[in-house]
Protein backbone atom coordinates (compact mmCIF):
# COMPACT_ATOMS: atom_id res chain seq x y z
CA UNK A 1 0.00 0.00 0.00
CA UNK A 2 1.04 3.58 -0.61
CA UNK A 3 -0.16 6.99 0.51
CA UNK A 4 -1.09 9.50 -2.19
CA UNK A 5 -2.83 12.84 -2.68
CA UNK A 6 -5.73 13.17 -5.14
CA UNK A 7 -4.70 15.87 -7.61
CA UNK A 8 -7.19 15.41 -10.44
CA UNK A 9 -9.87 13.47 -12.28
CA UNK A 10 -9.80 11.59 -15.58
CA UNK A 11 -12.83 11.14 -17.82
CA UNK A 12 -12.80 8.59 -20.63
CA UNK A 13 -15.98 8.08 -22.61
CA UNK A 14 -14.45 5.26 -24.63
CA UNK A 15 -12.60 2.71 -22.54
CA UNK A 16 -12.06 -1.01 -21.98
CA UNK A 17 -15.29 -2.70 -20.87
CA UNK A 18 -14.03 -3.64 -17.38
CA UNK A 19 -13.55 0.08 -16.62
CA UNK A 20 -17.20 0.94 -17.27
CA UNK A 21 -18.70 2.75 -14.29
CA UNK A 22 -15.36 3.30 -12.53
CA UNK A 23 -14.33 6.77 -11.40
CA UNK A 24 -10.71 7.47 -12.33
CA UNK A 25 -8.46 9.79 -10.34
CA UNK A 26 -5.01 11.24 -10.80
CA UNK A 27 -3.06 10.60 -7.60
CA UNK A 28 0.41 11.73 -6.56
CA UNK A 29 2.25 9.30 -4.26
CA UNK A 30 3.63 11.17 -1.23
CA UNK A 31 6.04 10.66 1.66
CA UNK A 32 3.97 11.25 4.81
CA UNK A 33 7.14 11.26 6.93
CA UNK A 34 8.58 14.19 4.94
CA UNK A 35 5.73 16.73 5.04
CA UNK A 36 3.84 15.00 2.20
CA UNK A 37 6.64 15.51 -0.32
CA UNK A 38 5.77 14.04 -3.75
CA UNK A 39 7.40 10.71 -4.67
CA UNK A 40 7.83 9.97 -8.37
CA UNK A 41 5.20 10.86 -10.94
CA UNK A 42 1.40 10.99 -10.66
CA UNK A 43 -0.59 7.89 -11.64
CA UNK A 44 -4.18 7.08 -12.59
CA UNK A 45 -6.10 5.03 -10.02
CA UNK A 46 -9.60 3.57 -9.99
CA UNK A 47 -11.61 5.03 -7.10
CA UNK A 48 -13.78 2.51 -5.27
CA UNK A 49 -14.72 4.66 -2.26
CA UNK A 50 -15.59 8.16 -3.47
CA UNK A 51 -12.39 10.10 -2.75
CA UNK A 52 -12.25 13.75 -3.74
CA UNK A 53 -9.81 16.39 -4.87
CA UNK A 54 -7.10 17.21 -2.31
CA UNK A 55 -7.78 14.18 -0.10
CA UNK A 56 -4.99 11.95 1.16
CA UNK A 57 -5.72 8.35 0.18
CA UNK A 58 -4.40 4.82 0.48
CA UNK A 59 -3.75 3.10 -2.84
CA UNK A 60 -2.87 -0.45 -3.78
CA UNK A 61 -1.16 -1.53 -6.99
CA UNK A 62 -0.68 -4.64 -9.10
CA UNK A 63 -2.92 -7.67 -8.73
CA UNK A 64 -4.24 -6.30 -5.42
CA UNK A 65 -5.59 -3.28 -7.32
CA UNK A 66 -7.60 -5.53 -9.62
CA UNK A 67 -9.01 -7.54 -6.72
CA UNK A 68 -9.97 -4.32 -4.91
CA UNK A 69 -12.25 -3.38 -7.81
CA UNK A 70 -14.32 -6.49 -7.19
CA UNK A 71 -13.21 -8.25 -10.35
CA UNK A 72 -9.82 -9.78 -11.00
CA UNK A 73 -10.31 -9.06 -14.72
CA UNK A 74 -10.36 -5.26 -14.33
CA UNK A 75 -7.76 -3.41 -16.39
CA UNK A 76 -6.31 -1.34 -13.53
CA UNK A 77 -2.81 -0.92 -12.09
CA UNK A 78 -3.81 1.17 -9.04
CA UNK A 79 -6.94 1.44 -6.90
CA UNK A 80 -7.91 3.84 -4.11
CA UNK A 81 -8.99 1.73 -1.12
CA UNK A 82 -9.07 4.23 1.76
CA UNK A 83 -9.21 7.89 2.72
CA UNK A 84 -6.72 8.99 5.39
CA UNK A 85 -8.42 10.85 8.26
CA UNK A 86 -5.28 11.53 10.28
CA UNK A 87 -1.75 10.28 10.87
CA UNK A 88 0.50 9.92 13.88
CA UNK A 89 4.06 8.63 14.16
CA UNK A 90 7.01 8.86 16.55
CA UNK A 91 9.91 10.62 14.85
CA UNK A 92 12.34 9.09 17.36
CA UNK A 93 11.57 5.63 16.01
CA UNK A 94 12.55 6.56 12.45
PDB file of N, CA and C in Angstrom:
ATOM      1  N   UNK A   1       0.850  -1.186   0.000  1.00  0.00           N
ATOM      2  CA  UNK A   1       0.000   0.000   0.000  1.00  0.00           C
ATOM      3  C   UNK A   1       0.886   1.237   0.000  1.00  0.00           C
ATOM      4  N   UNK A   2       0.355   2.299  -0.552  1.00  0.00           N
ATOM      5  CA  UNK A   2       1.037   3.578  -0.607  1.00  0.00           C
ATOM      6  C   UNK A   2       0.066   4.678  -0.196  1.00  0.00           C
ATOM      7  N   UNK A   3       0.636   5.806   0.209  1.00  0.00           N
ATOM      8  CA  UNK A   3      -0.157   6.989   0.510  1.00  0.00           C
ATOM      9  C   UNK A   3      -0.006   7.954  -0.662  1.00  0.00           C
ATOM     10  N   UNK A   4      -1.113   8.569  -1.059  1.00  0.00           N
ATOM     11  CA  UNK A   4      -1.087   9.501  -2.192  1.00  0.00           C
ATOM     12  C   UNK A   4      -2.077  10.629  -1.951  1.00  0.00           C
ATOM     13  N   UNK A   5      -1.924  11.691  -2.715  1.00  0.00           N
ATOM     14  CA  UNK A   5      -2.826  12.842  -2.681  1.00  0.00           C
ATOM     15  C   UNK A   5      -3.593  12.877  -4.001  1.00  0.00           C
ATOM     16  N   UNK A   6      -4.911  13.057  -3.923  1.00  0.00           N
ATOM     17  CA  UNK A   6      -5.726  13.174  -5.135  1.00  0.00           C
ATOM     18  C   UNK A   6      -5.496  14.561  -5.725  1.00  0.00           C
ATOM     19  N   UNK A   7      -5.008  14.591  -6.977  1.00  0.00           N
ATOM     20  CA  UNK A   7      -4.702  15.875  -7.605  1.00  0.00           C
ATOM     21  C   UNK A   7      -5.528  16.136  -8.860  1.00  0.00           C
ATOM     22  N   UNK A   8      -6.383  15.176  -9.247  1.00  0.00           N
ATOM     23  CA  UNK A   8      -7.185  15.409 -10.436  1.00  0.00           C
ATOM     24  C   UNK A   8      -8.121  14.253 -10.749  1.00  0.00           C
ATOM     25  N   UNK A   9      -8.923  14.472 -11.782  1.00  0.00           N
ATOM     26  CA  UNK A   9      -9.868  13.474 -12.277  1.00  0.00           C
ATOM     27  C   UNK A   9      -9.551  13.179 -13.735  1.00  0.00           C
ATOM     28  N   UNK A  10      -9.931  11.986 -14.169  1.00  0.00           N
ATOM     29  CA  UNK A  10      -9.795  11.593 -15.577  1.00  0.00           C
ATOM     30  C   UNK A  10     -11.166  11.134 -16.058  1.00  0.00           C
ATOM     31  N   UNK A  11     -11.595  11.608 -17.209  1.00  0.00           N
ATOM     32  CA  UNK A  11     -12.828  11.140 -17.818  1.00  0.00           C
ATOM     33  C   UNK A  11     -12.471  10.486 -19.138  1.00  0.00           C
ATOM     34  N   UNK A  12     -13.030   9.304 -19.372  1.00  0.00           N
ATOM     35  CA  UNK A  12     -12.801   8.593 -20.632  1.00  0.00           C
ATOM     36  C   UNK A  12     -14.123   7.993 -21.084  1.00  0.00           C
ATOM     37  N   UNK A  13     -14.711   8.576 -22.105  1.00  0.00           N
ATOM     38  CA  UNK A  13     -15.980   8.079 -22.607  1.00  0.00           C
ATOM     39  C   UNK A  13     -15.801   6.705 -23.241  1.00  0.00           C
ATOM     40  N   UNK A  14     -14.742   6.554 -24.014  1.00  0.00           N
ATOM     41  CA  UNK A  14     -14.449   5.257 -24.632  1.00  0.00           C
ATOM     42  C   UNK A  14     -13.324   4.609 -23.849  1.00  0.00           C
ATOM     43  N   UNK A  15     -13.599   3.414 -23.330  1.00  0.00           N
ATOM     44  CA  UNK A  15     -12.597   2.707 -22.536  1.00  0.00           C
ATOM     45  C   UNK A  15     -12.871   1.221 -22.569  1.00  0.00           C
ATOM     46  N   UNK A  16     -11.933   0.444 -22.072  1.00  0.00           N
ATOM     47  CA  UNK A  16     -12.057  -1.007 -21.984  1.00  0.00           C
ATOM     48  C   UNK A  16     -13.281  -1.340 -21.136  1.00  0.00           C
ATOM     49  N   UNK A  17     -14.008  -2.369 -21.498  1.00  0.00           N
ATOM     50  CA  UNK A  17     -15.292  -2.695 -20.867  1.00  0.00           C
ATOM     51  C   UNK A  17     -15.216  -2.873 -19.351  1.00  0.00           C
ATOM     52  N   UNK A  18     -14.116  -3.418 -18.831  1.00  0.00           N
ATOM     53  CA  UNK A  18     -14.028  -3.636 -17.376  1.00  0.00           C
ATOM     54  C   UNK A  18     -13.884  -2.340 -16.589  1.00  0.00           C
ATOM     55  N   UNK A  19     -13.657  -1.223 -17.282  1.00  0.00           N
ATOM     56  CA  UNK A  19     -13.548   0.080 -16.616  1.00  0.00           C
ATOM     57  C   UNK A  19     -14.879   0.831 -16.582  1.00  0.00           C
ATOM     58  N   UNK A  20     -15.893   0.286 -17.221  1.00  0.00           N
ATOM     59  CA  UNK A  20     -17.198   0.942 -17.267  1.00  0.00           C
ATOM     60  C   UNK A  20     -17.737   1.167 -15.858  1.00  0.00           C
ATOM     61  N   UNK A  21     -18.138   2.408 -15.590  1.00  0.00           N
ATOM     62  CA  UNK A  21     -18.699   2.755 -14.291  1.00  0.00           C
ATOM     63  C   UNK A  21     -17.680   3.113 -13.226  1.00  0.00           C
ATOM     64  N   UNK A  22     -16.390   2.974 -13.526  1.00  0.00           N
ATOM     65  CA  UNK A  22     -15.359   3.304 -12.530  1.00  0.00           C
ATOM     66  C   UNK A  22     -14.961   4.769 -12.623  1.00  0.00           C
ATOM     67  N   UNK A  23     -14.851   5.408 -11.476  1.00  0.00           N
ATOM     68  CA  UNK A  23     -14.330   6.766 -11.396  1.00  0.00           C
ATOM     69  C   UNK A  23     -12.807   6.663 -11.416  1.00  0.00           C
ATOM     70  N   UNK A  24     -12.167   7.487 -12.225  1.00  0.00           N
ATOM     71  CA  UNK A  24     -10.709   7.466 -12.333  1.00  0.00           C
ATOM     72  C   UNK A  24     -10.125   8.763 -11.795  1.00  0.00           C
ATOM     73  N   UNK A  25      -9.108   8.637 -10.960  1.00  0.00           N
ATOM     74  CA  UNK A  25      -8.464   9.789 -10.336  1.00  0.00           C
ATOM     75  C   UNK A  25      -6.995   9.854 -10.712  1.00  0.00           C
ATOM     76  N   UNK A  26      -6.456  11.059 -10.701  1.00  0.00           N
ATOM     77  CA  UNK A  26      -5.010  11.244 -10.804  1.00  0.00           C
ATOM     78  C   UNK A  26      -4.514  11.409  -9.372  1.00  0.00           C
ATOM     79  N   UNK A  27      -3.587  10.545  -8.960  1.00  0.00           N
ATOM     80  CA  UNK A  27      -3.063  10.604  -7.602  1.00  0.00           C
ATOM     81  C   UNK A  27      -1.546  10.754  -7.638  1.00  0.00           C
ATOM     82  N   UNK A  28      -1.031  11.515  -6.681  1.00  0.00           N
ATOM     83  CA  UNK A  28       0.405  11.733  -6.559  1.00  0.00           C
ATOM     84  C   UNK A  28       0.889  11.018  -5.308  1.00  0.00           C
ATOM     85  N   UNK A  29       1.691   9.942  -5.453  1.00  0.00           N
ATOM     86  CA  UNK A  29       2.255   9.300  -4.257  1.00  0.00           C
ATOM     87  C   UNK A  29       3.053  10.316  -3.448  1.00  0.00           C
ATOM     88  N   UNK A  30       2.949  10.224  -2.118  1.00  0.00           N
ATOM     89  CA  UNK A  30       3.628  11.174  -1.233  1.00  0.00           C
ATOM     90  C   UNK A  30       4.365  10.444  -0.115  1.00  0.00           C
ATOM     91  N   UNK A  31       5.298  11.155   0.496  1.00  0.00           N
ATOM     92  CA  UNK A  31       6.038  10.657   1.656  1.00  0.00           C
ATOM     93  C   UNK A  31       5.454  11.333   2.894  1.00  0.00           C
ATOM     94  N   UNK A  32       4.632  10.620   3.650  1.00  0.00           N
ATOM     95  CA  UNK A  32       3.974  11.248   4.808  1.00  0.00           C
ATOM     96  C   UNK A  32       4.955  11.567   5.931  1.00  0.00           C
ATOM     97  N   UNK A  33       6.143  10.980   5.903  1.00  0.00           N
ATOM     98  CA  UNK A  33       7.143  11.264   6.932  1.00  0.00           C
ATOM     99  C   UNK A  33       7.950  12.509   6.612  1.00  0.00           C
ATOM    100  N   UNK A  34       7.838  13.004   5.387  1.00  0.00           N
ATOM    101  CA  UNK A  34       8.578  14.188   4.941  1.00  0.00           C
ATOM    102  C   UNK A  34       7.623  15.286   4.482  1.00  0.00           C
ATOM    103  N   UNK A  35       6.675  15.645   5.331  1.00  0.00           N
ATOM    104  CA  UNK A  35       5.731  16.731   5.036  1.00  0.00           C
ATOM    105  C   UNK A  35       4.997  16.550   3.713  1.00  0.00           C
ATOM    106  N   UNK A  36       4.614  15.325   3.404  1.00  0.00           N
ATOM    107  CA  UNK A  36       3.842  15.002   2.199  1.00  0.00           C
ATOM    108  C   UNK A  36       4.549  15.379   0.901  1.00  0.00           C
ATOM    109  N   UNK A  37       5.864  15.248   0.897  1.00  0.00           N
ATOM    110  CA  UNK A  37       6.639  15.509  -0.321  1.00  0.00           C
ATOM    111  C   UNK A  37       6.251  14.510  -1.412  1.00  0.00           C
ATOM    112  N   UNK A  38       6.092  14.961  -2.656  1.00  0.00           N
ATOM    113  CA  UNK A  38       5.772  14.039  -3.748  1.00  0.00           C
ATOM    114  C   UNK A  38       6.880  13.013  -3.961  1.00  0.00           C
ATOM    115  N   UNK A  39       6.467  11.784  -4.328  1.00  0.00           N
ATOM    116  CA  UNK A  39       7.401  10.710  -4.669  1.00  0.00           C
ATOM    117  C   UNK A  39       7.086  10.282  -6.099  1.00  0.00           C
ATOM    118  N   UNK A  40       8.036  10.416  -6.994  1.00  0.00           N
ATOM    119  CA  UNK A  40       7.826   9.969  -8.373  1.00  0.00           C
ATOM    120  C   UNK A  40       6.804  10.811  -9.114  1.00  0.00           C
ATOM    121  N   UNK A  41       6.163  10.165 -10.082  1.00  0.00           N
ATOM    122  CA  UNK A  41       5.203  10.858 -10.938  1.00  0.00           C
ATOM    123  C   UNK A  41       3.775  10.470 -10.580  1.00  0.00           C
ATOM    124  N   UNK A  42       2.810  11.321 -10.906  1.00  0.00           N
ATOM    125  CA  UNK A  42       1.403  10.987 -10.656  1.00  0.00           C
ATOM    126  C   UNK A  42       0.972   9.762 -11.459  1.00  0.00           C
ATOM    127  N   UNK A  43      -0.043   9.058 -10.959  1.00  0.00           N
ATOM    128  CA  UNK A  43      -0.589   7.887 -11.643  1.00  0.00           C
ATOM    129  C   UNK A  43      -2.110   7.982 -11.663  1.00  0.00           C
ATOM    130  N   UNK A  44      -2.722   7.178 -12.528  1.00  0.00           N
ATOM    131  CA  UNK A  44      -4.182   7.081 -12.586  1.00  0.00           C
ATOM    132  C   UNK A  44      -4.598   5.894 -11.735  1.00  0.00           C
ATOM    133  N   UNK A  45      -5.606   6.102 -10.884  1.00  0.00           N
ATOM    134  CA  UNK A  45      -6.104   5.031 -10.016  1.00  0.00           C
ATOM    135  C   UNK A  45      -7.624   4.973 -10.090  1.00  0.00           C
ATOM    136  N   UNK A  46      -8.148   3.763 -10.081  1.00  0.00           N
ATOM    137  CA  UNK A  46      -9.596   3.573  -9.992  1.00  0.00           C
ATOM    138  C   UNK A  46     -10.013   3.913  -8.566  1.00  0.00           C
ATOM    139  N   UNK A  47     -11.129   4.612  -8.417  1.00  0.00           N
ATOM    140  CA  UNK A  47     -11.613   5.027  -7.102  1.00  0.00           C
ATOM    141  C   UNK A  47     -12.832   4.194  -6.726  1.00  0.00           C
ATOM    142  N   UNK A  48     -12.693   3.382  -5.687  1.00  0.00           N
ATOM    143  CA  UNK A  48     -13.779   2.507  -5.268  1.00  0.00           C
ATOM    144  C   UNK A  48     -14.548   3.046  -4.063  1.00  0.00           C
ATOM    145  N   UNK A  49     -14.112   4.200  -3.516  1.00  0.00           N
ATOM    146  CA  UNK A  49     -14.716   4.664  -2.263  1.00  0.00           C
ATOM    147  C   UNK A  49     -15.217   6.101  -2.279  1.00  0.00           C
ATOM    148  N   UNK A  50     -15.066   6.801  -3.381  1.00  0.00           N
ATOM    149  CA  UNK A  50     -15.585   8.161  -3.465  1.00  0.00           C
ATOM    150  C   UNK A  50     -14.656   9.234  -2.939  1.00  0.00           C
ATOM    151  N   UNK A  51     -13.363   9.091  -3.181  1.00  0.00           N
ATOM    152  CA  UNK A  51     -12.392  10.096  -2.753  1.00  0.00           C
ATOM    153  C   UNK A  51     -12.541  11.356  -3.602  1.00  0.00           C
ATOM    154  N   UNK A  52     -12.126  12.489  -3.030  1.00  0.00           N
ATOM    155  CA  UNK A  52     -12.251  13.753  -3.737  1.00  0.00           C
ATOM    156  C   UNK A  52     -10.936  14.499  -3.847  1.00  0.00           C
ATOM    157  N   UNK A  53     -10.967  15.552  -4.616  1.00  0.00           N
ATOM    158  CA  UNK A  53      -9.807  16.386  -4.868  1.00  0.00           C
ATOM    159  C   UNK A  53      -9.171  16.859  -3.558  1.00  0.00           C
ATOM    160  N   UNK A  54      -7.847  16.734  -3.469  1.00  0.00           N
ATOM    161  CA  UNK A  54      -7.103  17.206  -2.315  1.00  0.00           C
ATOM    162  C   UNK A  54      -7.036  16.227  -1.153  1.00  0.00           C
ATOM    163  N   UNK A  55      -7.794  15.129  -1.211  1.00  0.00           N
ATOM    164  CA  UNK A  55      -7.777  14.177  -0.097  1.00  0.00           C
ATOM    165  C   UNK A  55      -6.530  13.301  -0.148  1.00  0.00           C
ATOM    166  N   UNK A  56      -6.084  12.903   1.027  1.00  0.00           N
ATOM    167  CA  UNK A  56      -4.989  11.953   1.155  1.00  0.00           C
ATOM    168  C   UNK A  56      -5.611  10.565   1.188  1.00  0.00           C
ATOM    169  N   UNK A  57      -5.104   9.664   0.338  1.00  0.00           N
ATOM    170  CA  UNK A  57      -5.721   8.353   0.179  1.00  0.00           C
ATOM    171  C   UNK A  57      -4.693   7.229   0.300  1.00  0.00           C
ATOM    172  N   UNK A  58      -5.211   6.026   0.498  1.00  0.00           N
ATOM    173  CA  UNK A  58      -4.396   4.820   0.483  1.00  0.00           C
ATOM    174  C   UNK A  58      -4.665   4.136  -0.854  1.00  0.00           C
ATOM    175  N   UNK A  59      -3.592   3.793  -1.566  1.00  0.00           N
ATOM    176  CA  UNK A  59      -3.749   3.098  -2.838  1.00  0.00           C
ATOM    177  C   UNK A  59      -3.030   1.753  -2.788  1.00  0.00           C
ATOM    178  N   UNK A  60      -3.543   0.825  -3.582  1.00  0.00           N
ATOM    179  CA  UNK A  60      -2.867  -0.454  -3.782  1.00  0.00           C
ATOM    180  C   UNK A  60      -2.585  -0.594  -5.262  1.00  0.00           C
ATOM    181  N   UNK A  61      -1.564  -1.374  -5.597  1.00  0.00           N
ATOM    182  CA  UNK A  61      -1.163  -1.535  -6.988  1.00  0.00           C
ATOM    183  C   UNK A  61      -1.038  -3.012  -7.339  1.00  0.00           C
ATOM    184  N   UNK A  62      -0.869  -3.273  -8.631  1.00  0.00           N
ATOM    185  CA  UNK A  62      -0.678  -4.637  -9.104  1.00  0.00           C
ATOM    186  C   UNK A  62      -1.937  -5.468  -9.017  1.00  0.00           C
ATOM    187  N   UNK A  63      -1.773  -6.764  -8.769  1.00  0.00           N
ATOM    188  CA  UNK A  63      -2.924  -7.666  -8.734  1.00  0.00           C
ATOM    189  C   UNK A  63      -3.883  -7.305  -7.612  1.00  0.00           C
ATOM    190  N   UNK A  64      -3.381  -6.741  -6.520  1.00  0.00           N
ATOM    191  CA  UNK A  64      -4.244  -6.303  -5.421  1.00  0.00           C
ATOM    192  C   UNK A  64      -5.192  -5.209  -5.890  1.00  0.00           C
ATOM    193  N   UNK A  65      -4.734  -4.347  -6.789  1.00  0.00           N
ATOM    194  CA  UNK A  65      -5.586  -3.278  -7.324  1.00  0.00           C
ATOM    195  C   UNK A  65      -6.758  -3.853  -8.098  1.00  0.00           C
ATOM    196  N   UNK A  66      -6.512  -4.888  -8.863  1.00  0.00           N
ATOM    197  CA  UNK A  66      -7.596  -5.526  -9.616  1.00  0.00           C
ATOM    198  C   UNK A  66      -8.603  -6.170  -8.674  1.00  0.00           C
ATOM    199  N   UNK A  67      -8.124  -6.881  -7.682  1.00  0.00           N
ATOM    200  CA  UNK A  67      -9.007  -7.543  -6.719  1.00  0.00           C
ATOM    201  C   UNK A  67      -9.848  -6.506  -5.979  1.00  0.00           C
ATOM    202  N   UNK A  68      -9.255  -5.361  -5.646  1.00  0.00           N
ATOM    203  CA  UNK A  68      -9.970  -4.316  -4.906  1.00  0.00           C
ATOM    204  C   UNK A  68     -11.142  -3.734  -5.693  1.00  0.00           C
ATOM    205  N   UNK A  69     -11.134  -3.883  -7.000  1.00  0.00           N
ATOM    206  CA  UNK A  69     -12.254  -3.381  -7.811  1.00  0.00           C
ATOM    207  C   UNK A  69     -13.448  -4.326  -7.770  1.00  0.00           C
ATOM    208  N   UNK A  70     -13.245  -5.515  -7.255  1.00  0.00           N
ATOM    209  CA  UNK A  70     -14.324  -6.490  -7.192  1.00  0.00           C
ATOM    210  C   UNK A  70     -14.302  -7.488  -8.331  1.00  0.00           C
ATOM    211  N   UNK A  71     -13.365  -7.298  -9.254  1.00  0.00           N
ATOM    212  CA  UNK A  71     -13.210  -8.249 -10.349  1.00  0.00           C
ATOM    213  C   UNK A  71     -11.737  -8.358 -10.716  1.00  0.00           C
ATOM    214  N   UNK A  72     -11.226  -9.555 -10.695  1.00  0.00           N
ATOM    215  CA  UNK A  72      -9.816  -9.779 -11.004  1.00  0.00           C
ATOM    216  C   UNK A  72      -9.496  -9.515 -12.472  1.00  0.00           C
ATOM    217  N   UNK A  73     -10.522  -9.318 -13.297  1.00  0.00           N
ATOM    218  CA  UNK A  73     -10.314  -9.060 -14.718  1.00  0.00           C
ATOM    219  C   UNK A  73     -10.203  -7.570 -15.041  1.00  0.00           C
ATOM    220  N   UNK A  74     -10.391  -6.706 -14.067  1.00  0.00           N
ATOM    221  CA  UNK A  74     -10.362  -5.257 -14.328  1.00  0.00           C
ATOM    222  C   UNK A  74      -8.990  -4.822 -14.836  1.00  0.00           C
ATOM    223  N   UNK A  75      -8.999  -3.916 -15.782  1.00  0.00           N
ATOM    224  CA  UNK A  75      -7.760  -3.408 -16.388  1.00  0.00           C
ATOM    225  C   UNK A  75      -7.234  -2.209 -15.608  1.00  0.00           C
ATOM    226  N   UNK A  76      -6.826  -2.437 -14.360  1.00  0.00           N
ATOM    227  CA  UNK A  76      -6.308  -1.344 -13.535  1.00  0.00           C
ATOM    228  C   UNK A  76      -4.958  -1.732 -12.935  1.00  0.00           C
ATOM    229  N   UNK A  77      -4.108  -0.731 -12.737  1.00  0.00           N
ATOM    230  CA  UNK A  77      -2.812  -0.922 -12.090  1.00  0.00           C
ATOM    231  C   UNK A  77      -2.798  -0.354 -10.681  1.00  0.00           C
ATOM    232  N   UNK A  78      -3.752   0.548 -10.371  1.00  0.00           N
ATOM    233  CA  UNK A  78      -3.813   1.170  -9.044  1.00  0.00           C
ATOM    234  C   UNK A  78      -5.269   1.424  -8.679  1.00  0.00           C
ATOM    235  N   UNK A  79      -5.579   1.231  -7.393  1.00  0.00           N
ATOM    236  CA  UNK A  79      -6.937   1.444  -6.901  1.00  0.00           C
ATOM    237  C   UNK A  79      -6.896   2.163  -5.562  1.00  0.00           C
ATOM    238  N   UNK A  80      -7.763   3.161  -5.390  1.00  0.00           N
ATOM    239  CA  UNK A  80      -7.915   3.842  -4.109  1.00  0.00           C
ATOM    240  C   UNK A  80      -8.780   2.964  -3.215  1.00  0.00           C
ATOM    241  N   UNK A  81      -8.251   2.616  -2.026  1.00  0.00           N
ATOM    242  CA  UNK A  81      -8.987   1.728  -1.121  1.00  0.00           C
ATOM    243  C   UNK A  81      -9.283   2.361   0.237  1.00  0.00           C
ATOM    244  N   UNK A  82      -8.793   3.575   0.478  1.00  0.00           N
ATOM    245  CA  UNK A  82      -9.066   4.230   1.756  1.00  0.00           C
ATOM    246  C   UNK A  82      -8.780   5.713   1.690  1.00  0.00           C
ATOM    247  N   UNK A  83      -9.458   6.453   2.564  1.00  0.00           N
ATOM    248  CA  UNK A  83      -9.212   7.891   2.715  1.00  0.00           C
ATOM    249  C   UNK A  83      -8.593   8.089   4.092  1.00  0.00           C
ATOM    250  N   UNK A  84      -7.447   8.772   4.137  1.00  0.00           N
ATOM    251  CA  UNK A  84      -6.725   8.985   5.391  1.00  0.00           C
ATOM    252  C   UNK A  84      -7.393  10.118   6.163  1.00  0.00           C
ATOM    253  N   UNK A  85      -7.830   9.826   7.396  1.00  0.00           N
ATOM    254  CA  UNK A  85      -8.421  10.845   8.261  1.00  0.00           C
ATOM    255  C   UNK A  85      -7.351  11.623   9.016  1.00  0.00           C
ATOM    256  N   UNK A  86      -6.333  10.918   9.470  1.00  0.00           N
ATOM    257  CA  UNK A  86      -5.280  11.533  10.281  1.00  0.00           C
ATOM    258  C   UNK A  86      -4.077  10.614  10.265  1.00  0.00           C
ATOM    259  N   UNK A  87      -2.950  11.097  10.758  1.00  0.00           N
ATOM    260  CA  UNK A  87      -1.752  10.276  10.869  1.00  0.00           C
ATOM    261  C   UNK A  87      -1.005  10.652  12.143  1.00  0.00           C
ATOM    262  N   UNK A  88      -0.290   9.685  12.673  1.00  0.00           N
ATOM    263  CA  UNK A  88       0.504   9.917  13.878  1.00  0.00           C
ATOM    264  C   UNK A  88       1.687   8.960  13.824  1.00  0.00           C
ATOM    265  N   UNK A  89       2.872   9.487  14.096  1.00  0.00           N
ATOM    266  CA  UNK A  89       4.055   8.629  14.160  1.00  0.00           C
ATOM    267  C   UNK A  89       5.057   9.256  15.103  1.00  0.00           C
ATOM    268  N   UNK A  90       5.970   8.426  15.609  1.00  0.00           N
ATOM    269  CA  UNK A  90       7.005   8.857  16.547  1.00  0.00           C
ATOM    270  C   UNK A  90       8.297   9.066  15.783  1.00  0.00           C
ATOM    271  N   UNK A  91       8.720  10.301  15.625  1.00  0.00           N
ATOM    272  CA  UNK A  91       9.910  10.622  14.853  1.00  0.00           C
ATOM    273  C   UNK A  91      11.174   9.978  15.439  1.00  0.00           C
ATOM    274  N   UNK A  92      11.170   9.718  16.730  1.00  0.00           N
ATOM    275  CA  UNK A  92      12.337   9.095  17.357  1.00  0.00           C
ATOM    276  C   UNK A  92      12.524   7.647  16.930  1.00  0.00           C
ATOM    277  N   UNK A  93      11.483   7.012  16.436  1.00  0.00           N
ATOM    278  CA  UNK A  93      11.575   5.628  16.008  1.00  0.00           C
ATOM    279  C   UNK A  93      12.013   5.492  14.557  1.00  0.00           C
ATOM    280  N   UNK A  94      12.160   6.608  13.872  1.00  0.00           N
ATOM    281  CA  UNK A  94      12.555   6.562  12.447  1.00  0.00           C
ATOM    282  C   UNK A  94      14.035   6.360  12.295  1.00  0.00           C
TER     283      UNK A  94
END
